Amino acid sequence: MSNRFASARKAIAECDVCGFRYRLRELRNLIVKGRDTNLKACPECWDSDHPQLKLGMYPVNDPQAIRDPRPDFAGYAQSRAQIIPVTQLVSTGFVGRVTVTTE
């Protein structure tokens, strides 16, 4: 069975993005939103198809609420804060002056 196309070992082609010449084997197809654009790009110009361009193409079920939530049991150590009493606490603070000008 014969091949209908010539071999591309030494074939020269131009990048459809920048216009420089490269071997045809080095050029890669540009894919946008999962579809082939039939454009060839050199390794410097080629970008992979970004996942954010596929937003809305697939259904997303990401519920945020919990059905029938229950409060934490206070008997578990991880459900309550570890409070250590402090006997002597000295703190100081001050209030400054703020001027606000609007036009």
PDB file of N, CA and C in Angstrom:
ATOM      1  N   MET A   1       0.849  -1.165   0.000  1.00  0.00           N
ATOM      2  CA  MET A   1       0.000   0.000   0.000  1.00  0.00           C
ATOM      3  C   MET A   1       0.895   1.229   0.000  1.00  0.00           C
ATOM      4  N   SER A   2       0.675   2.136  -0.878  1.00  0.00           N
ATOM      5  CA  SER A   2       1.534   3.313  -0.997  1.00  0.00           C
ATOM      6  C   SER A   2       0.961   4.485  -0.201  1.00  0.00           C
ATOM      7  N   ASN A   3       1.846   5.380   0.160  1.00  0.00           N
ATOM      8  CA  ASN A   3       1.466   6.582   0.894  1.00  0.00           C
ATOM      9  C   ASN A   3       1.127   7.672  -0.110  1.00  0.00           C
ATOM     10  N   ARG A   4       0.075   8.421   0.119  1.00  0.00           N
ATOM     11  CA  ARG A   4      -0.358   9.442  -0.831  1.00  0.00           C
ATOM     12  C   ARG A   4       0.416  10.745  -0.693  1.00  0.00           C
ATOM     13  N   PHE A   5       1.221  10.893   0.371  1.00  0.00           N
ATOM     14  CA  PHE A   5       1.948  12.125   0.604  1.00  0.00           C
ATOM     15  C   PHE A   5       3.440  11.857   0.605  1.00  0.00           C
ATOM     16  N   ALA A   6       4.213  12.885   0.272  1.00  0.00           N
ATOM     17  CA  ALA A   6       5.662  12.762   0.314  1.00  0.00           C
ATOM     18  C   ALA A   6       6.124  12.762   1.762  1.00  0.00           C
ATOM     19  N   SER A   7       7.324  12.240   2.011  1.00  0.00           N
ATOM     20  CA  SER A   7       7.844  12.230   3.379  1.00  0.00           C
ATOM     21  C   SER A   7       8.231  13.653   3.772  1.00  0.00           C
ATOM     22  N   ALA A   8       8.077  13.963   5.045  1.00  0.00           N
ATOM     23  CA  ALA A   8       8.317  15.326   5.519  1.00  0.00           C
ATOM     24  C   ALA A   8       9.663  15.446   6.218  1.00  0.00           C
ATOM     25  N   ARG A   9      10.615  14.590   5.867  1.00  0.00           N
ATOM     26  CA  ARG A   9      11.911  14.641   6.538  1.00  0.00           C
ATOM     27  C   ARG A   9      12.635  15.955   6.270  1.00  0.00           C
ATOM     28  N   LYS A  10      12.573  16.445   5.066  1.00  0.00           N
ATOM     29  CA  LYS A  10      13.291  17.667   4.713  1.00  0.00           C
ATOM     30  C   LYS A  10      12.356  18.785   4.256  1.00  0.00           C
ATOM     31  N   ALA A  11      11.077  18.632   4.486  1.00  0.00           N
ATOM     32  CA  ALA A  11      10.116  19.639   4.036  1.00  0.00           C
ATOM     33  C   ALA A  11      10.254  20.907   4.872  1.00  0.00           C
ATOM     34  N   ILE A  12      10.168  22.057   4.211  1.00  0.00           N
ATOM     35  CA  ILE A  12      10.271  23.367   4.854  1.00  0.00           C
ATOM     36  C   ILE A  12       8.883  24.003   4.847  1.00  0.00           C
ATOM     37  N   ALA A  13       8.529  24.638   5.953  1.00  0.00           N
ATOM     38  CA  ALA A  13       7.232  25.319   6.052  1.00  0.00           C
ATOM     39  C   ALA A  13       7.409  26.594   6.863  1.00  0.00           C
ATOM     40  N   GLU A  14       6.443  27.480   6.771  1.00  0.00           N
ATOM     41  CA  GLU A  14       6.464  28.728   7.532  1.00  0.00           C
ATOM     42  C   GLU A  14       5.507  28.631   8.708  1.00  0.00           C
ATOM     43  N   CYS A  15       5.930  29.222   9.812  1.00  0.00           N
ATOM     44  CA  CYS A  15       5.059  29.308  10.979  1.00  0.00           C
ATOM     45  C   CYS A  15       3.926  30.276  10.647  1.00  0.00           C
ATOM     46  N   ASP A  16       2.689  29.883  10.914  1.00  0.00           N
ATOM     47  CA  ASP A  16       1.539  30.742  10.616  1.00  0.00           C
ATOM     48  C   ASP A  16       1.422  31.909  11.589  1.00  0.00           C
ATOM     49  N   VAL A  17       2.167  31.892  12.687  1.00  0.00           N
ATOM     50  CA  VAL A  17       2.089  32.964  13.672  1.00  0.00           C
ATOM     51  C   VAL A  17       3.167  34.012  13.417  1.00  0.00           C
ATOM     52  N   CYS A  18       4.434  33.594  13.354  1.00  0.00           N
ATOM     53  CA  CYS A  18       5.527  34.567  13.218  1.00  0.00           C
ATOM     54  C   CYS A  18       6.065  34.668  11.802  1.00  0.00           C
ATOM     55  N   GLY A  19       5.871  33.669  10.946  1.00  0.00           N
ATOM     56  CA  GLY A  19       6.302  33.734   9.560  1.00  0.00           C
ATOM     57  C   GLY A  19       7.713  33.231   9.314  1.00  0.00           C
ATOM     58  N   PHE A  20       8.428  32.767  10.317  1.00  0.00           N
ATOM     59  CA  PHE A  20       9.775  32.231  10.119  1.00  0.00           C
ATOM     60  C   PHE A  20       9.693  30.819   9.564  1.00  0.00           C
ATOM     61  N   ARG A  21      10.771  30.407   8.887  1.00  0.00           N
ATOM     62  CA  ARG A  21      10.810  29.083   8.280  1.00  0.00           C
ATOM     63  C   ARG A  21      11.352  28.058   9.263  1.00  0.00           C
ATOM     64  N   TYR A  22      10.701  26.897   9.270  1.00  0.00           N
ATOM     65  CA  TYR A  22      11.102  25.771  10.106  1.00  0.00           C
ATOM     66  C   TYR A  22      10.884  24.498   9.305  1.00  0.00           C
ATOM     67  N   ARG A  23      11.426  23.410   9.808  1.00  0.00           N
ATOM     68  CA  ARG A  23      11.081  22.124   9.218  1.00  0.00           C
ATOM     69  C   ARG A  23       9.628  21.831   9.553  1.00  0.00           C
ATOM     70  N   LEU A  24       8.950  21.185   8.628  1.00  0.00           N
ATOM     71  CA  LEU A  24       7.531  20.887   8.819  1.00  0.00           C
ATOM     72  C   LEU A  24       7.313  19.994  10.042  1.00  0.00           C
ATOM     73  N   ARG A  25       8.275  19.117  10.343  1.00  0.00           N
ATOM     74  CA  ARG A  25       8.151  18.236  11.502  1.00  0.00           C
ATOM     75  C   ARG A  25       8.143  19.016  12.812  1.00  0.00           C
ATOM     76  N   GLU A  26       8.832  20.191  12.841  1.00  0.00           N
ATOM     77  CA  GLU A  26       8.933  20.973  14.074  1.00  0.00           C
ATOM     78  C   GLU A  26       7.668  21.769  14.380  1.00  0.00           C
ATOM     79  N   LEU A  27       6.871  22.049  13.364  1.00  0.00           N
ATOM     80  CA  LEU A  27       5.655  22.841  13.569  1.00  0.00           C
ATOM     81  C   LEU A  27       4.574  21.971  14.197  1.00  0.00           C
ATOM     82  N   ARG A  28       3.798  22.595  15.083  1.00  0.00           N
ATOM     83  CA  ARG A  28       2.718  21.880  15.773  1.00  0.00           C
ATOM     84  C   ARG A  28       1.390  22.589  15.508  1.00  0.00           C
ATOM     85  N   ASN A  29       0.316  21.831  15.555  1.00  0.00           N
ATOM     86  CA  ASN A  29      -1.010  22.399  15.331  1.00  0.00           C
ATOM     87  C   ASN A  29      -1.440  23.241  16.521  1.00  0.00           C
ATOM     88  N   LEU A  30      -2.097  24.374  16.255  1.00  0.00           N
ATOM     89  CA  LEU A  30      -2.659  25.201  17.316  1.00  0.00           C
ATOM     90  C   LEU A  30      -4.052  24.689  17.648  1.00  0.00           C
ATOM     91  N   ILE A  31      -4.302  24.482  18.941  1.00  0.00           N
ATOM     92  CA  ILE A  31      -5.596  24.005  19.412  1.00  0.00           C
ATOM     93  C   ILE A  31      -6.205  25.098  20.277  1.00  0.00           C
ATOM     94  N   VAL A  32      -7.434  25.506  19.970  1.00  0.00           N
ATOM     95  CA  VAL A  32      -8.138  26.524  20.744  1.00  0.00           C
ATOM     96  C   VAL A  32      -9.491  25.940  21.150  1.00  0.00           C
ATOM     97  N   LYS A  33      -9.775  25.948  22.443  1.00  0.00           N
ATOM     98  CA  LYS A  33     -11.015  25.398  22.999  1.00  0.00           C
ATOM     99  C   LYS A  33     -11.238  23.957  22.562  1.00  0.00           C
ATOM    100  N   GLY A  34     -10.173  23.191  22.472  1.00  0.00           N
ATOM    101  CA  GLY A  34     -10.285  21.788  22.132  1.00  0.00           C
ATOM    102  C   GLY A  34     -10.469  21.502  20.656  1.00  0.00           C
ATOM    103  N   ARG A  35     -10.416  22.516  19.812  1.00  0.00           N
ATOM    104  CA  ARG A  35     -10.598  22.319  18.373  1.00  0.00           C
ATOM    105  C   ARG A  35      -9.323  22.679  17.631  1.00  0.00           C
ATOM    106  N   ASP A  36      -9.020  21.900  16.611  1.00  0.00           N
ATOM    107  CA  ASP A  36      -7.854  22.160  15.780  1.00  0.00           C
ATOM    108  C   ASP A  36      -8.158  23.338  14.851  1.00  0.00           C
ATOM    109  N   THR A  37      -7.269  24.343  14.845  1.00  0.00           N
ATOM    110  CA  THR A  37      -7.489  25.537  14.018  1.00  0.00           C
ATOM    111  C   THR A  37      -6.866  25.415  12.641  1.00  0.00           C
ATOM    112  N   ASN A  38      -6.167  24.306  12.369  1.00  0.00           N
ATOM    113  CA  ASN A  38      -5.480  24.066  11.107  1.00  0.00           C
ATOM    114  C   ASN A  38      -4.371  25.090  10.865  1.00  0.00           C
ATOM    115  N   LEU A  39      -3.845  25.676  11.930  1.00  0.00           N
ATOM    116  CA  LEU A  39      -2.698  26.566  11.853  1.00  0.00           C
ATOM    117  C   LEU A  39      -1.504  25.846  12.446  1.00  0.00           C
ATOM    118  N   LYS A  40      -0.340  26.051  11.846  1.00  0.00           N
ATOM    119  CA  LYS A  40       0.889  25.445  12.342  1.00  0.00           C
ATOM    120  C   LYS A  40       1.726  26.528  13.019  1.00  0.00           C
ATOM    121  N   ALA A  41       2.298  26.207  14.170  1.00  0.00           N
ATOM    122  CA  ALA A  41       3.100  27.162  14.925  1.00  0.00           C
ATOM    123  C   ALA A  41       4.438  26.534  15.280  1.00  0.00           C
ATOM    124  N   CYS A  42       5.472  27.386  15.319  1.00  0.00           N
ATOM    125  CA  CYS A  42       6.816  26.930  15.691  1.00  0.00           C
ATOM    126  C   CYS A  42       6.866  26.703  17.209  1.00  0.00           C
ATOM    127  N   PRO A  43       7.929  26.082  17.708  1.00  0.00           N
ATOM    128  CA  PRO A  43       8.009  25.825  19.152  1.00  0.00           C
ATOM    129  C   PRO A  43       7.985  27.105  19.995  1.00  0.00           C
ATOM    130  N   GLU A  44       8.472  28.230  19.471  1.00  0.00           N
ATOM    131  CA  GLU A  44       8.456  29.489  20.224  1.00  0.00           C
ATOM    132  C   GLU A  44       7.061  30.102  20.295  1.00  0.00           C
ATOM    133  N   CYS A  45       6.270  29.933  19.247  1.00  0.00           N
ATOM    134  CA  CYS A  45       4.931  30.546  19.186  1.00  0.00           C
ATOM    135  C   CYS A  45       3.834  29.627  19.724  1.00  0.00           C
ATOM    136  N   TRP A  46       4.088  28.335  19.790  1.00  0.00           N
ATOM    137  CA  TRP A  46       3.047  27.382  20.169  1.00  0.00           C
ATOM    138  C   TRP A  46       2.735  27.470  21.653  1.00  0.00           C
ATOM    139  N   ASP A  47       1.457  27.532  21.994  1.00  0.00           N
ATOM    140  CA  ASP A  47       0.979  27.489  23.368  1.00  0.00           C
ATOM    141  C   ASP A  47      -0.038  26.363  23.471  1.00  0.00           C
ATOM    142  N   SER A  48       0.030  25.638  24.568  1.00  0.00           N
ATOM    143  CA  SER A  48      -0.949  24.567  24.756  1.00  0.00           C
ATOM    144  C   SER A  48      -2.321  25.187  25.030  1.00  0.00           C
ATOM    145  N   ASP A  49      -3.344  24.415  24.794  1.00  0.00           N
ATOM    146  CA  ASP A  49      -4.711  24.882  25.017  1.00  0.00           C
ATOM    147  C   ASP A  49      -4.926  25.083  26.509  1.00  0.00           C
ATOM    148  N   HIS A  50      -5.273  26.286  26.907  1.00  0.00           N
ATOM    149  CA  HIS A  50      -5.395  26.602  28.324  1.00  0.00           C
ATOM    150  C   HIS A  50      -6.720  26.078  28.873  1.00  0.00           C
ATOM    151  N   PRO A  51      -6.714  25.479  30.074  1.00  0.00           N
ATOM    152  CA  PRO A  51      -7.945  24.918  30.631  1.00  0.00           C
ATOM    153  C   PRO A  51      -9.030  25.954  30.883  1.00  0.00           C
ATOM    154  N   GLN A  52      -8.661  27.224  31.131  1.00  0.00           N
ATOM    155  CA  GLN A  52      -9.691  28.237  31.387  1.00  0.00           C
ATOM    156  C   GLN A  52     -10.507  28.550  30.149  1.00  0.00           C
ATOM    157  N   LEU A  53      -9.993  28.241  28.962  1.00  0.00           N
ATOM    158  CA  LEU A  53     -10.760  28.468  27.746  1.00  0.00           C
ATOM    159  C   LEU A  53     -11.895  27.460  27.598  1.00  0.00           C
ATOM    160  N   LYS A  54     -11.888  26.419  28.396  1.00  0.00           N
ATOM    161  CA  LYS A  54     -12.913  25.381  28.311  1.00  0.00           C
ATOM    162  C   LYS A  54     -14.044  25.583  29.315  1.00  0.00           C
ATOM    163  N   LEU A  55     -14.118  26.762  29.930  1.00  0.00           N
ATOM    164  CA  LEU A  55     -15.179  27.015  30.897  1.00  0.00           C
ATOM    165  C   LEU A  55     -16.536  26.956  30.210  1.00  0.00           C
ATOM    166  N   GLY A  56     -17.475  26.292  30.823  1.00  0.00           N
ATOM    167  CA  GLY A  56     -18.816  26.170  30.264  1.00  0.00           C
ATOM    168  C   GLY A  56     -18.996  24.989  29.343  1.00  0.00           C
ATOM    169  N   MET A  57     -17.935  24.304  28.992  1.00  0.00           N
ATOM    170  CA  MET A  57     -18.054  23.163  28.086  1.00  0.00           C
ATOM    171  C   MET A  57     -18.495  21.901  28.822  1.00  0.00           C
ATOM    172  N   TYR A  58     -18.199  21.828  30.114  1.00  0.00           N
ATOM    173  CA  TYR A  58     -18.519  20.643  30.898  1.00  0.00           C
ATOM    174  C   TYR A  58     -19.395  21.049  32.079  1.00  0.00           C
ATOM    175  N   PRO A  59     -20.391  20.233  32.422  1.00  0.00           N
ATOM    176  CA  PRO A  59     -21.231  20.573  33.572  1.00  0.00           C
ATOM    177  C   PRO A  59     -20.442  20.442  34.871  1.00  0.00           C
ATOM    178  N   VAL A  60     -20.651  21.390  35.761  1.00  0.00           N
ATOM    179  CA  VAL A  60     -19.959  21.385  37.043  1.00  0.00           C
ATOM    180  C   VAL A  60     -20.998  21.365  38.147  1.00  0.00           C
ATOM    181  N   ASN A  61     -20.905  20.382  39.029  1.00  0.00           N
ATOM    182  CA  ASN A  61     -21.789  20.290  40.174  1.00  0.00           C
ATOM    183  C   ASN A  61     -20.906  20.437  41.404  1.00  0.00           C
ATOM    184  N   ASP A  62     -20.906  21.636  41.992  1.00  0.00           N
ATOM    185  CA  ASP A  62     -20.043  21.925  43.127  1.00  0.00           C
ATOM    186  C   ASP A  62     -20.882  22.532  44.244  1.00  0.00           C
ATOM    187  N   PRO A  63     -21.675  21.704  44.952  1.00  0.00           N
ATOM    188  CA  PRO A  63     -22.522  22.253  46.006  1.00  0.00           C
ATOM    189  C   PRO A  63     -21.681  22.770  47.174  1.00  0.00           C
ATOM    190  N   GLN A  64     -22.155  23.864  47.798  1.00  0.00           N
ATOM    191  CA  GLN A  64     -21.422  24.477  48.888  1.00  0.00           C
ATOM    192  C   GLN A  64     -22.058  24.167  50.243  1.00  0.00           C
ATOM    193  N   ALA A  65     -23.342  23.964  50.283  1.00  0.00           N
ATOM    194  CA  ALA A  65     -24.029  23.740  51.556  1.00  0.00           C
ATOM    195  C   ALA A  65     -24.024  22.258  51.915  1.00  0.00           C
ATOM    196  N   ILE A  66     -24.182  21.987  53.197  1.00  0.00           N
ATOM    197  CA  ILE A  66     -24.243  20.619  53.705  1.00  0.00           C
ATOM    198  C   ILE A  66     -25.680  20.331  54.112  1.00  0.00           C
ATOM    199  N   ARG A  67     -26.205  19.182  53.659  1.00  0.00           N
ATOM    200  CA  ARG A  67     -27.569  18.814  54.009  1.00  0.00           C
ATOM    201  C   ARG A  67     -27.597  18.296  55.445  1.00  0.00           C
ATOM    202  N   ASP A  68     -28.527  18.790  56.241  1.00  0.00           N
ATOM    203  CA  ASP A  68     -28.718  18.404  57.642  1.00  0.00           C
ATOM    204  C   ASP A  68     -27.425  18.488  58.468  1.00  0.00           C
ATOM    205  N   PRO A  69     -26.847  19.672  58.598  1.00  0.00           N
ATOM    206  CA  PRO A  69     -25.610  19.774  59.383  1.00  0.00           C
ATOM    207  C   PRO A  69     -25.880  19.552  60.861  1.00  0.00           C
ATOM    208  N   ARG A  70     -24.888  19.087  61.572  1.00  0.00           N
ATOM    209  CA  ARG A  70     -24.973  18.849  63.009  1.00  0.00           C
ATOM    210  C   ARG A  70     -23.853  19.602  63.702  1.00  0.00           C
ATOM    211  N   PRO A  71     -24.133  20.107  64.919  1.00  0.00           N
ATOM    212  CA  PRO A  71     -23.070  20.815  65.640  1.00  0.00           C
ATOM    213  C   PRO A  71     -22.004  19.845  66.126  1.00  0.00           C
ATOM    214  N   ASP A  72     -20.814  20.369  66.370  1.00  0.00           N
ATOM    215  CA  ASP A  72     -19.736  19.541  66.907  1.00  0.00           C
ATOM    216  C   ASP A  72     -20.064  19.115  68.330  1.00  0.00           C
ATOM    217  N   PHE A  73     -19.613  17.950  68.679  1.00  0.00           N
ATOM    218  CA  PHE A  73     -19.775  17.455  70.034  1.00  0.00           C
ATOM    219  C   PHE A  73     -18.667  18.058  70.894  1.00  0.00           C
ATOM    220  N   ALA A  74     -19.041  18.677  72.005  1.00  0.00           N
ATOM    221  CA  ALA A  74     -18.075  19.377  72.855  1.00  0.00           C
ATOM    222  C   ALA A  74     -17.127  18.421  73.553  1.00  0.00           C
ATOM    223  N   GLY A  75     -17.392  17.147  73.539  1.00  0.00           N
ATOM    224  CA  GLY A  75     -16.533  16.189  74.210  1.00  0.00           C
ATOM    225  C   GLY A  75     -15.251  15.905  73.445  1.00  0.00           C
ATOM    226  N   TYR A  76     -15.247  16.183  72.123  1.00  0.00           N
ATOM    227  CA  TYR A  76     -14.051  15.936  71.342  1.00  0.00           C
ATOM    228  C   TYR A  76     -13.076  17.089  71.506  1.00  0.00           C
ATOM    229  N   ALA A  77     -11.802  16.761  71.651  1.00  0.00           N
ATOM    230  CA  ALA A  77     -10.793  17.799  71.873  1.00  0.00           C
ATOM    231  C   ALA A  77     -10.640  18.703  70.655  1.00  0.00           C
ATOM    232  N   GLN A  78     -10.799  18.183  69.448  1.00  0.00           N
ATOM    233  CA  GLN A  78     -10.616  19.005  68.261  1.00  0.00           C
ATOM    234  C   GLN A  78     -11.789  19.942  68.008  1.00  0.00           C
ATOM    235  N   SER A  79     -12.914  19.747  68.721  1.00  0.00           N
ATOM    236  CA  SER A  79     -14.073  20.596  68.485  1.00  0.00           C
ATOM    237  C   SER A  79     -14.151  21.776  69.438  1.00  0.00           C
ATOM    238  N   ARG A  80     -13.207  21.918  70.341  1.00  0.00           N
ATOM    239  CA  ARG A  80     -13.221  23.072  71.230  1.00  0.00           C
ATOM    240  C   ARG A  80     -11.833  23.705  71.244  1.00  0.00           C
ATOM    241  N   ALA A  81     -11.804  24.952  71.576  1.00  0.00           N
ATOM    242  CA  ALA A  81     -10.538  25.677  71.589  1.00  0.00           C
ATOM    243  C   ALA A  81      -9.740  25.306  72.824  1.00  0.00           C
ATOM    244  N   GLN A  82      -8.452  25.267  72.687  1.00  0.00           N
ATOM    245  CA  GLN A  82      -7.565  25.020  73.815  1.00  0.00           C
ATOM    246  C   GLN A  82      -7.260  26.369  74.466  1.00  0.00           C
ATOM    247  N   ILE A  83      -7.962  26.680  75.548  1.00  0.00           N
ATOM    248  CA  ILE A  83      -7.814  27.974  76.213  1.00  0.00           C
ATOM    249  C   ILE A  83      -6.906  27.803  77.413  1.00  0.00           C
ATOM    250  N   ILE A  84      -5.843  28.596  77.412  1.00  0.00           N
ATOM    251  CA  ILE A  84      -4.904  28.583  78.528  1.00  0.00           C
ATOM    252  C   ILE A  84      -5.089  29.898  79.282  1.00  0.00           C
ATOM    253  N   PRO A  85      -5.472  29.846  80.558  1.00  0.00           N
ATOM    254  CA  PRO A  85      -5.710  31.097  81.284  1.00  0.00           C
ATOM    255  C   PRO A  85      -4.404  31.859  81.527  1.00  0.00           C
ATOM    256  N   VAL A  86      -4.493  33.167  81.362  1.00  0.00           N
ATOM    257  CA  VAL A  86      -3.348  34.042  81.593  1.00  0.00           C
ATOM    258  C   VAL A  86      -3.662  34.864  82.830  1.00  0.00           C
ATOM    259  N   THR A  87      -2.767  34.832  83.812  1.00  0.00           N
ATOM    260  CA  THR A  87      -3.051  35.525  85.075  1.00  0.00           C
ATOM    261  C   THR A  87      -2.715  37.006  84.994  1.00  0.00           C
ATOM    262  N   GLN A  88      -1.579  37.375  84.432  1.00  0.00           N
ATOM    263  CA  GLN A  88      -1.202  38.775  84.360  1.00  0.00           C
ATOM    264  C   GLN A  88      -1.033  39.164  82.896  1.00  0.00           C
ATOM    265  N   LEU A  89      -1.852  40.087  82.463  1.00  0.00           N
ATOM    266  CA  LEU A  89      -1.781  40.569  81.095  1.00  0.00           C
ATOM    267  C   LEU A  89      -1.761  42.082  81.140  1.00  0.00           C
ATOM    268  N   VAL A  90      -0.707  42.680  80.641  1.00  0.00           N
ATOM    269  CA  VAL A  90      -0.571  44.126  80.615  1.00  0.00           C
ATOM    270  C   VAL A  90      -0.525  44.549  79.156  1.00  0.00           C
ATOM    271  N   SER A  91      -1.394  45.452  78.785  1.00  0.00           N
ATOM    272  CA  SER A  91      -1.392  45.941  77.411  1.00  0.00           C
ATOM    273  C   SER A  91      -1.582  47.437  77.411  1.00  0.00           C
ATOM    274  N   THR A  92      -1.014  48.071  76.428  1.00  0.00           N
ATOM    275  CA  THR A  92      -1.157  49.524  76.280  1.00  0.00           C
ATOM    276  C   THR A  92      -1.587  49.816  74.859  1.00  0.00           C
ATOM    277  N   GLY A  93      -2.190  50.970  74.680  1.00  0.00           N
ATOM    278  CA  GLY A  93      -2.616  51.386  73.363  1.00  0.00           C
ATOM    279  C   GLY A  93      -2.865  52.867  73.330  1.00  0.00           C
ATOM    280  N   PHE A  94      -3.014  53.410  72.152  1.00  0.00           N
ATOM    281  CA  PHE A  94      -3.292  54.831  72.027  1.00  0.00           C
ATOM    282  C   PHE A  94      -4.179  55.049  70.824  1.00  0.00           C
ATOM    283  N   VAL A  95      -4.827  56.169  70.808  1.00  0.00           N
ATOM    284  CA  VAL A  95      -5.688  56.548  69.701  1.00  0.00           C
ATOM    285  C   VAL A  95      -5.099  57.809  69.085  1.00  0.00           C
ATOM    286  N   GLY A  96      -4.862  57.761  67.800  1.00  0.00           N
ATOM    287  CA  GLY A  96      -4.279  58.904  67.103  1.00  0.00           C
ATOM    288  C   GLY A  96      -5.362  59.783  66.497  1.00  0.00           C
ATOM    289  N   ARG A  97      -4.932  60.755  65.748  1.00  0.00           N
ATOM    290  CA  ARG A  97      -5.842  61.697  65.115  1.00  0.00           C
ATOM    291  C   ARG A  97      -5.801  61.458  63.599  1.00  0.00           C
ATOM    292  N   VAL A  98      -6.968  61.376  63.002  1.00  0.00           N
ATOM    293  CA  VAL A  98      -7.077  61.134  61.574  1.00  0.00           C
ATOM    294  C   VAL A  98      -7.833  62.277  60.943  1.00  0.00           C
ATOM    295  N   THR A  99      -7.322  62.818  59.854  1.00  0.00           N
ATOM    296  CA  THR A  99      -8.001  63.880  59.116  1.00  0.00           C
ATOM    297  C   THR A  99      -8.374  63.351  57.750  1.00  0.00           C
ATOM    298  N   VAL A 100      -9.656  63.446  57.396  1.00  0.00           N
ATOM    299  CA  VAL A 100     -10.131  62.985  56.104  1.00  0.00           C
ATOM    300  C   VAL A 100     -10.646  64.186  55.325  1.00  0.00           C
ATOM    301  N   THR A 101     -10.153  64.359  54.109  1.00  0.00           N
ATOM    302  CA  THR A 101     -10.594  65.478  53.264  1.00  0.00           C
ATOM    303  C   THR A 101     -11.211  64.899  52.000  1.00  0.00           C
ATOM    304  N   THR A 102     -12.415  65.322  51.689  1.00  0.00           N
ATOM    305  CA  THR A 102     -13.070  64.891  50.461  1.00  0.00           C
ATOM    306  C   THR A 102     -13.426  66.106  49.634  1.00  0.00           C
ATOM    307  N   GLU A 103     -13.444  65.904  48.346  1.00  0.00           N
ATOM    308  CA  GLU A 103     -13.788  67.019  47.443  1.00  0.00           C
ATOM    309  C   GLU A 103     -15.048  66.711  46.688  1.00  0.00           C
TER     310      GLU A 103
END
